[in-house]
């Protein structure tokens, strides 16, 4: 698994994950919007690992070499 996310990409994903979780815990996400927690988990894991599985088939690489 090769890193394919750059620093800014990873930071944006991490911040989005944190905002979604905080909004959920604060009661700001009503009903079906709570499904965003699934995306939050995905954002967090890709930010931590630096690898996005969707980037490979799309040919995207934001990591500077």
C-alpha atoms as a PDB file:
ATOM      1  CA  UNK A   1       0.000   0.000   0.000  1.00  0.00           C
ATOM      2  CA  UNK A   2       1.723   3.151  -1.242  1.00  0.00           C
ATOM      3  CA  UNK A   3       0.947   6.574   0.256  1.00  0.00           C
ATOM      4  CA  UNK A   4      -1.085   8.592  -2.241  1.00  0.00           C
ATOM      5  CA  UNK A   5      -2.286  11.520  -0.112  1.00  0.00           C
ATOM      6  CA  UNK A   6      -0.376  14.702   0.492  1.00  0.00           C
ATOM      7  CA  UNK A   7      -0.144  16.549   3.803  1.00  0.00           C
ATOM      8  CA  UNK A   8      -2.904  19.056   3.036  1.00  0.00           C
ATOM      9  CA  UNK A   9      -5.221  16.293   1.810  1.00  0.00           C
ATOM     10  CA  UNK A  10      -4.636  14.331   5.009  1.00  0.00           C
ATOM     11  CA  UNK A  11      -5.167  17.368   7.246  1.00  0.00           C
ATOM     12  CA  UNK A  12      -8.449  18.274   5.514  1.00  0.00           C
ATOM     13  CA  UNK A  13      -9.719  14.706   5.947  1.00  0.00           C
ATOM     14  CA  UNK A  14      -8.721  14.652   9.614  1.00  0.00           C
ATOM     15  CA  UNK A  15     -10.393  17.998  10.318  1.00  0.00           C
ATOM     16  CA  UNK A  16     -13.585  16.888   8.534  1.00  0.00           C
ATOM     17  CA  UNK A  17     -13.653  13.676  10.560  1.00  0.00           C
ATOM     18  CA  UNK A  18     -13.283  15.587  13.822  1.00  0.00           C
ATOM     19  CA  UNK A  19     -15.963  18.148  12.871  1.00  0.00           C
ATOM     20  CA  UNK A  20     -18.453  15.403  11.967  1.00  0.00           C
ATOM     21  CA  UNK A  21     -17.889  13.517  15.229  1.00  0.00           C
ATOM     22  CA  UNK A  22     -18.137  16.687  17.329  1.00  0.00           C
ATOM     23  CA  UNK A  23     -21.340  17.712  15.523  1.00  0.00           C
ATOM     24  CA  UNK A  24     -22.822  14.271  16.131  1.00  0.00           C
ATOM     25  CA  UNK A  25     -21.895  14.213  19.800  1.00  0.00           C
ATOM     26  CA  UNK A  26     -23.220  17.752  20.198  1.00  0.00           C
ATOM     27  CA  UNK A  27     -26.593  16.748  18.759  1.00  0.00           C
ATOM     28  CA  UNK A  28     -26.219  18.904  15.648  1.00  0.00           C
ATOM     29  CA  UNK A  29     -26.698  16.042  13.155  1.00  0.00           C
ATOM     30  CA  UNK A  30     -30.393  15.162  12.938  1.00  0.00           C
ATOM     31  CA  UNK A  31     -31.729  11.770  11.847  1.00  0.00           C
ATOM     32  CA  UNK A  32     -30.274  10.493   8.579  1.00  0.00           C
ATOM     33  CA  UNK A  33     -27.423  12.975   8.685  1.00  0.00           C
ATOM     34  CA  UNK A  34     -25.896  10.795  11.396  1.00  0.00           C
ATOM     35  CA  UNK A  35     -24.882   8.467   8.541  1.00  0.00           C
ATOM     36  CA  UNK A  36     -22.021  10.897   8.028  1.00  0.00           C
ATOM     37  CA  UNK A  37     -20.279   9.016  10.836  1.00  0.00           C
ATOM     38  CA  UNK A  38     -19.459   6.315   8.278  1.00  0.00           C
ATOM     39  CA  UNK A  39     -17.684   8.901   6.151  1.00  0.00           C
ATOM     40  CA  UNK A  40     -16.022  10.284   9.247  1.00  0.00           C
ATOM     41  CA  UNK A  41     -14.479   6.883   9.964  1.00  0.00           C
ATOM     42  CA  UNK A  42     -13.329   6.606   6.369  1.00  0.00           C
ATOM     43  CA  UNK A  43     -11.841  10.108   6.423  1.00  0.00           C
ATOM     44  CA  UNK A  44     -10.025   9.347   9.665  1.00  0.00           C
ATOM     45  CA  UNK A  45      -8.557   6.047   8.467  1.00  0.00           C
ATOM     46  CA  UNK A  46      -7.373   7.454   5.144  1.00  0.00           C
ATOM     47  CA  UNK A  47      -5.846  10.465   6.922  1.00  0.00           C
ATOM     48  CA  UNK A  48      -3.952   8.225   9.346  1.00  0.00           C
ATOM     49  CA  UNK A  49      -2.702   5.762   6.727  1.00  0.00           C
ATOM     50  CA  UNK A  50      -2.155   8.293   3.924  1.00  0.00           C
ATOM     51  CA  UNK A  51      -3.751   5.909   1.441  1.00  0.00           C
ATOM     52  CA  UNK A  52      -7.085   6.414  -0.303  1.00  0.00           C
ATOM     53  CA  UNK A  53      -8.313   3.318  -2.174  1.00  0.00           C
ATOM     54  CA  UNK A  54     -10.439   5.443  -4.528  1.00  0.00           C
ATOM     55  CA  UNK A  55      -7.438   7.425  -5.711  1.00  0.00           C
ATOM     56  CA  UNK A  56      -5.760   4.423  -7.357  1.00  0.00           C
ATOM     57  CA  UNK A  57      -8.450   3.635 -10.005  1.00  0.00           C
ATOM     58  CA  UNK A  58      -9.000   7.367 -10.581  1.00  0.00           C
ATOM     59  CA  UNK A  59      -5.271   7.963 -11.085  1.00  0.00           C
ATOM     60  CA  UNK A  60      -5.073  10.634  -8.393  1.00  0.00           C
ATOM     61  CA  UNK A  61      -1.980  11.166  -6.261  1.00  0.00           C
ATOM     62  CA  UNK A  62      -1.709  14.277  -4.075  1.00  0.00           C
ATOM     63  CA  UNK A  63       1.494  13.116  -2.396  1.00  0.00           C
ATOM     64  CA  UNK A  64       4.602  15.018  -3.421  1.00  0.00           C
ATOM     65  CA  UNK A  65       7.505  12.723  -4.091  1.00  0.00           C
END
